[in-house]
Amino acid sequence: MTETMLHVNEVDLCVETFGDPADPAILLIDGAAASMLWWDAGLCARIAAGGRFVIRYDQRDTGRSTAYPPGKPDYSNTDLARDAVGILDAFAIARAHIVCRSMSGGLGLILGVDHPSRVATVTFVSTSTGADGLPPSTVEHPEPTGDAVADTVAAVRAYAGGSPYFDEAATRDLAQRDADRATDITTAGNHYAMRFESPAGGGFEDLRVPALVVHGDLDPLLPLPHGQAVRDAVPGARLVVLPGAGHDLPPQLWDMFTEELLRHTGNRPADPRV
């Protein structure tokens, strides 16, 4: 496990890797306002034990990466996708398996249709096509208190959708570690204020790389029909439903997720000792 700073596209990105660089690469891209810590190190280690080189990183305005003034992000979603390509370049990785969660499903789409030569497979976790007619969110967003840790715990609890797996103590510990290491924890909300641009190469129906869709059956932010819509939109996509999961990926389901991801990215079994 190695953490480093990369200078990519004129910004600094904090990157951490797990496993053997000679193994097929999996690039984990988390959702809005989430640093790389939300791809838990334990999960990354499990995936790496299955014969994968796992890369997680802080996107702009999260963790230790470059932060912009609150409310003034000078970048677009296309820039964030270019950052992902820049990370692959820095590691001399020609093609990687892309795993994108929540709002970053849009980055997976951009990478798949605008940079297809760099993408071996794509996995969409808890995301959506954004098409009209899909069920609205049922999340009751808690009022902010000004305490970053408490506000994060409240948001994660709401996004868990009543999941029996929600662990408040573990969530609080992770939120505290996230706040302690952040360049500026107040800028994470900039992801909601950045410029959004449509992919030049088309939509979900234009993806030509193998696609896996993973979605919790209790997701209140993007209810299950959103995941089903992604599966239906992407040619040949396969859907895996996580029972008892909300908009998160609880440790109780890591084995299931890892098995499906390894199958999707090469059908190599995980090390049962992990």
Protein backbone atom coordinates (compact mmCIF):
# COMPACT_ATOMS: atom_id res chain seq x y z
CA MET A 1 0.00 0.00 0.00
CA THR A 2 1.64 3.21 -1.18
CA GLU A 3 0.34 6.78 -1.12
CA THR A 4 1.86 9.47 -3.33
CA MET A 5 1.15 12.88 -4.83
CA LEU A 6 0.89 13.14 -8.62
CA HIS A 7 0.92 16.37 -10.61
CA VAL A 8 -1.73 15.78 -13.27
CA ASN A 9 -3.40 18.34 -15.55
CA GLU A 10 -1.88 21.20 -13.53
CA VAL A 11 -3.33 19.95 -10.22
CA ASP A 12 -2.00 17.75 -7.43
CA LEU A 13 -3.83 14.48 -6.81
CA CYS A 14 -3.25 12.18 -3.85
CA VAL A 15 -3.13 8.56 -5.00
CA GLU A 16 -2.81 5.27 -3.10
CA THR A 17 -2.21 1.82 -4.55
CA PHE A 18 -2.68 -1.76 -3.38
CA GLY A 19 -1.19 -4.91 -4.84
CA ASP A 20 1.25 -5.76 -7.60
CA PRO A 21 1.65 -3.18 -10.40
CA ALA A 22 2.12 -6.09 -12.81
CA ASP A 23 -1.49 -7.19 -12.25
CA PRO A 24 -4.45 -5.79 -14.21
CA ALA A 25 -5.26 -2.30 -12.94
CA ILE A 26 -8.54 -1.26 -11.31
CA LEU A 27 -9.08 2.49 -10.92
CA LEU A 28 -11.63 3.37 -8.23
CA ILE A 29 -13.43 6.71 -8.67
CA ASP A 30 -15.70 7.76 -5.84
CA GLY A 31 -18.74 9.99 -5.95
CA ALA A 32 -19.39 13.63 -5.20
CA ALA A 33 -17.61 15.11 -2.18
CA ALA A 34 -16.01 11.75 -1.29
CA SER A 35 -12.28 11.30 -0.81
CA MET A 36 -10.58 8.03 -1.58
CA LEU A 37 -11.05 6.91 2.04
CA TRP A 38 -14.64 6.00 1.20
CA TRP A 39 -13.24 3.17 -0.92
CA ASP A 40 -12.25 1.40 2.29
CA ALA A 41 -8.66 0.15 2.50
CA GLY A 42 -9.95 -3.25 3.61
CA LEU A 43 -12.03 -3.56 0.46
CA CYS A 44 -9.11 -2.42 -1.70
CA ALA A 45 -6.90 -5.09 -0.09
CA ARG A 46 -9.47 -7.80 -0.83
CA ILE A 47 -9.65 -6.81 -4.46
CA ALA A 48 -5.85 -6.66 -4.72
CA ALA A 49 -5.60 -10.14 -3.20
CA GLY A 50 -7.57 -11.40 -6.19
CA GLY A 51 -4.74 -10.43 -8.52
CA ARG A 52 -5.50 -6.79 -9.25
CA PHE A 53 -3.49 -3.59 -8.96
CA VAL A 54 -5.94 -1.28 -7.19
CA ILE A 55 -5.68 2.50 -7.41
CA ARG A 56 -7.81 4.86 -5.33
CA TYR A 57 -7.37 8.63 -5.27
CA ASP A 58 -8.65 11.93 -3.94
CA GLN A 59 -10.40 13.83 -6.70
CA ARG A 60 -10.03 17.60 -6.80
CA ASP A 61 -11.58 19.27 -3.75
CA THR A 62 -11.40 16.09 -1.65
CA GLY A 63 -8.76 14.66 0.68
CA ARG A 64 -5.23 15.90 0.13
CA SER A 65 -5.69 16.87 -3.52
CA THR A 66 -5.86 20.41 -4.87
CA ALA A 67 -8.70 22.43 -3.35
CA TYR A 68 -10.48 25.43 -4.84
CA PRO A 69 -12.24 28.31 -3.07
CA PRO A 70 -15.61 27.17 -1.69
CA GLY A 71 -18.29 27.62 -4.33
CA LYS A 72 -15.76 28.41 -7.07
CA PRO A 73 -14.52 25.19 -8.66
CA ASP A 74 -12.62 26.12 -11.82
CA TYR A 75 -13.14 22.76 -13.54
CA SER A 76 -15.72 20.54 -15.20
CA ASN A 77 -16.65 16.87 -15.05
CA THR A 78 -14.65 16.47 -18.27
CA ASP A 79 -11.58 17.73 -16.41
CA LEU A 80 -12.16 15.13 -13.69
CA ALA A 81 -12.30 12.41 -16.34
CA ARG A 82 -9.04 13.74 -17.80
CA ASP A 83 -7.53 13.49 -14.32
CA ALA A 84 -8.33 9.78 -14.32
CA VAL A 85 -6.56 9.36 -17.67
CA GLY A 86 -3.62 11.35 -16.31
CA ILE A 87 -3.30 8.96 -13.38
CA LEU A 88 -3.19 6.02 -15.78
CA ASP A 89 -0.51 7.85 -17.76
CA ALA A 90 1.53 8.43 -14.60
CA PHE A 91 1.54 4.70 -13.88
CA ALA A 92 2.16 3.82 -17.57
CA ILE A 93 -1.13 1.88 -17.64
CA ALA A 94 -2.48 1.51 -21.16
CA ARG A 95 -5.94 0.25 -20.15
CA ALA A 96 -7.63 -0.09 -16.77
CA HIS A 97 -10.83 -1.46 -15.32
CA ILE A 98 -12.82 1.61 -14.23
CA VAL A 99 -15.07 1.43 -11.15
CA CYS A 100 -17.15 4.55 -10.61
CA ARG A 101 -19.64 5.29 -7.87
CA SER A 102 -22.70 7.54 -7.62
CA MET A 103 -22.26 10.88 -9.42
CA SER A 104 -18.95 9.67 -10.83
CA GLY A 105 -20.90 7.23 -12.98
CA GLY A 106 -20.84 10.17 -15.36
CA LEU A 107 -17.04 10.04 -15.35
CA GLY A 108 -17.19 6.34 -16.17
CA LEU A 109 -19.39 7.19 -19.13
CA ILE A 110 -17.03 9.93 -20.34
CA LEU A 111 -14.05 7.60 -20.04
CA GLY A 112 -15.87 4.80 -21.83
CA VAL A 113 -17.09 6.79 -24.83
CA ASP A 114 -14.44 9.54 -25.09
CA HIS A 115 -11.36 7.51 -24.05
CA PRO A 116 -12.38 3.95 -25.00
CA SER A 117 -8.83 2.79 -25.72
CA ARG A 118 -7.97 3.36 -22.03
CA VAL A 119 -10.90 1.37 -20.61
CA ALA A 120 -10.87 -2.43 -20.31
CA THR A 121 -14.20 -2.64 -18.47
CA VAL A 122 -16.44 -0.29 -16.53
CA THR A 123 -18.38 -0.93 -13.33
CA PHE A 124 -21.16 1.45 -12.31
CA VAL A 125 -21.90 1.42 -8.56
CA SER A 126 -25.03 3.14 -7.19
CA THR A 127 -25.45 5.42 -10.18
CA SER A 128 -28.03 6.41 -12.79
CA THR A 129 -28.59 7.35 -16.40
CA GLY A 130 -30.44 10.44 -15.22
CA ALA A 131 -33.24 9.66 -17.65
CA ASP A 132 -36.69 11.17 -17.22
CA GLY A 133 -39.30 9.05 -15.48
CA LEU A 134 -37.05 7.35 -12.94
CA PRO A 135 -38.22 7.39 -9.32
CA PRO A 136 -37.14 10.43 -7.31
CA SER A 137 -34.90 10.32 -4.29
CA THR A 138 -36.61 9.58 -1.00
CA VAL A 139 -33.72 10.86 1.11
CA GLU A 140 -34.66 13.35 3.80
CA HIS A 141 -31.56 15.52 3.83
CA PRO A 142 -30.58 16.49 7.38
CA GLU A 143 -30.09 20.14 8.21
CA PRO A 144 -26.38 21.04 8.33
CA THR A 145 -24.98 21.82 11.76
CA GLY A 146 -21.62 23.25 10.75
CA ASP A 147 -19.82 20.27 12.27
CA ALA A 148 -18.31 18.52 9.24
CA VAL A 149 -18.03 15.15 10.94
CA ALA A 150 -21.54 15.17 12.40
CA ASP A 151 -22.98 16.36 9.10
CA THR A 152 -21.22 13.57 7.20
CA VAL A 153 -22.48 10.92 9.62
CA ALA A 154 -26.03 12.24 9.28
CA ALA A 155 -25.79 12.23 5.48
CA VAL A 156 -24.39 8.69 5.32
CA ARG A 157 -27.12 7.52 7.70
CA ALA A 158 -29.78 9.07 5.45
CA TYR A 159 -28.22 7.56 2.31
CA ALA A 160 -28.12 4.12 3.94
CA GLY A 161 -31.89 3.98 3.50
CA GLY A 162 -32.60 1.99 6.63
CA SER A 163 -29.97 -0.62 5.80
CA PRO A 164 -29.35 -3.04 8.68
CA TYR A 165 -25.65 -2.70 7.91
CA PHE A 166 -25.30 0.99 8.79
CA ASP A 167 -22.62 1.35 11.49
CA GLU A 168 -22.67 4.79 13.10
CA ALA A 169 -19.45 4.35 15.09
CA ALA A 170 -17.48 3.17 12.05
CA THR A 171 -18.95 5.96 9.94
CA ARG A 172 -18.02 8.57 12.55
CA ASP A 173 -14.46 7.24 12.70
CA LEU A 174 -14.12 7.37 8.92
CA ALA A 175 -15.63 10.86 8.72
CA GLN A 176 -13.19 12.09 11.38
CA ARG A 177 -10.20 10.61 9.56
CA ASP A 178 -11.46 12.19 6.35
CA ALA A 179 -11.75 15.60 7.98
CA ASP A 180 -8.35 15.33 9.66
CA ARG A 181 -6.46 14.61 6.43
CA ALA A 182 -8.32 16.98 4.11
CA THR A 183 -6.61 19.98 2.56
CA ASP A 184 -9.89 21.85 3.18
CA ILE A 185 -12.93 19.78 4.15
CA THR A 186 -15.25 22.71 3.34
CA THR A 187 -14.52 22.53 -0.40
CA ALA A 188 -15.90 19.02 -1.00
CA GLY A 189 -19.26 20.53 -1.91
CA ASN A 190 -17.62 22.13 -4.95
CA HIS A 191 -18.41 18.93 -6.85
CA TYR A 192 -22.02 20.04 -6.96
CA ALA A 193 -21.03 23.44 -8.38
CA MET A 194 -18.64 22.39 -11.15
CA ARG A 195 -19.48 22.71 -14.83
CA PHE A 196 -21.18 19.65 -16.27
CA GLU A 197 -20.52 18.76 -19.89
CA SER A 198 -21.95 15.97 -22.01
CA PRO A 199 -19.57 13.30 -23.35
CA ALA A 200 -18.46 13.98 -26.91
CA GLY A 201 -18.76 10.30 -27.83
CA GLY A 202 -22.41 9.77 -26.95
CA GLY A 203 -24.43 8.28 -24.12
CA PHE A 204 -24.73 5.00 -22.21
CA GLU A 205 -26.07 3.28 -25.32
CA ASP A 206 -22.77 4.06 -27.08
CA LEU A 207 -20.56 2.23 -24.59
CA ARG A 208 -18.73 -0.66 -26.22
CA VAL A 209 -16.77 -1.99 -23.24
CA PRO A 210 -18.02 -4.75 -20.89
CA ALA A 211 -20.16 -3.16 -18.18
CA LEU A 212 -21.20 -4.31 -14.71
CA VAL A 213 -23.88 -2.47 -12.75
CA VAL A 214 -23.99 -2.80 -8.95
CA HIS A 215 -26.86 -1.33 -6.96
CA GLY A 216 -28.29 -1.63 -3.46
CA ASP A 217 -31.91 -2.69 -3.22
CA LEU A 218 -32.53 -0.13 -0.42
CA ASP A 219 -30.85 2.84 -2.10
CA PRO A 220 -33.00 5.88 -1.21
CA LEU A 221 -30.98 8.44 -3.18
CA LEU A 222 -31.10 6.57 -6.47
CA PRO A 223 -33.69 3.80 -6.05
CA LEU A 224 -33.04 0.45 -7.71
CA PRO A 225 -34.80 1.35 -11.01
CA HIS A 226 -31.90 3.75 -11.63
CA GLY A 227 -29.46 0.83 -11.65
CA GLN A 228 -31.84 -1.17 -13.79
CA ALA A 229 -31.96 1.75 -16.23
CA VAL A 230 -28.16 1.74 -16.52
CA ARG A 231 -28.21 -2.00 -17.22
CA ASP A 232 -30.89 -1.57 -19.87
CA ALA A 233 -29.12 1.38 -21.51
CA VAL A 234 -25.65 -0.17 -21.85
CA PRO A 235 -25.40 -2.94 -24.46
CA GLY A 236 -24.68 -6.26 -22.76
CA ALA A 237 -24.49 -4.86 -19.24
CA ARG A 238 -25.07 -7.13 -16.25
CA LEU A 239 -26.79 -6.03 -13.01
CA VAL A 240 -25.88 -7.26 -9.53
CA VAL A 241 -28.26 -6.23 -6.75
CA LEU A 242 -26.76 -5.88 -3.27
CA PRO A 243 -29.36 -7.11 -0.76
CA GLY A 244 -29.80 -4.85 2.23
CA ALA A 245 -27.56 -2.09 0.87
CA GLY A 246 -28.49 1.54 0.51
CA HIS A 247 -26.35 4.05 -1.38
CA ASP A 248 -23.22 2.57 0.15
CA LEU A 249 -21.10 -0.57 0.05
CA PRO A 250 -21.18 -2.07 3.57
CA PRO A 251 -18.41 -4.43 4.74
CA GLN A 252 -20.92 -7.28 5.08
CA LEU A 253 -21.23 -7.26 1.28
CA TRP A 254 -17.55 -6.84 0.36
CA ASP A 255 -17.12 -10.53 -0.40
CA MET A 256 -20.06 -10.47 -2.80
CA PHE A 257 -18.87 -7.26 -4.46
CA THR A 258 -15.28 -8.48 -4.75
CA GLU A 259 -16.31 -11.78 -6.28
CA GLU A 260 -18.48 -10.04 -8.87
CA LEU A 261 -15.80 -7.46 -9.67
CA LEU A 262 -13.08 -10.08 -10.10
CA ARG A 263 -15.38 -12.10 -12.32
CA HIS A 264 -16.12 -9.03 -14.40
CA THR A 265 -12.47 -8.00 -14.70
CA GLY A 266 -10.99 -11.39 -15.49
CA ASN A 267 -12.64 -14.20 -13.56
CA ARG A 268 -9.67 -14.65 -11.21
CA PRO A 269 -10.66 -15.94 -7.74
CA ALA A 270 -10.00 -13.93 -4.59
CA ASP A 271 -7.54 -15.17 -1.99
CA PRO A 272 -9.73 -16.84 0.66
CA ARG A 273 -7.26 -15.83 3.38
CA VAL A 274 -8.26 -12.15 3.06
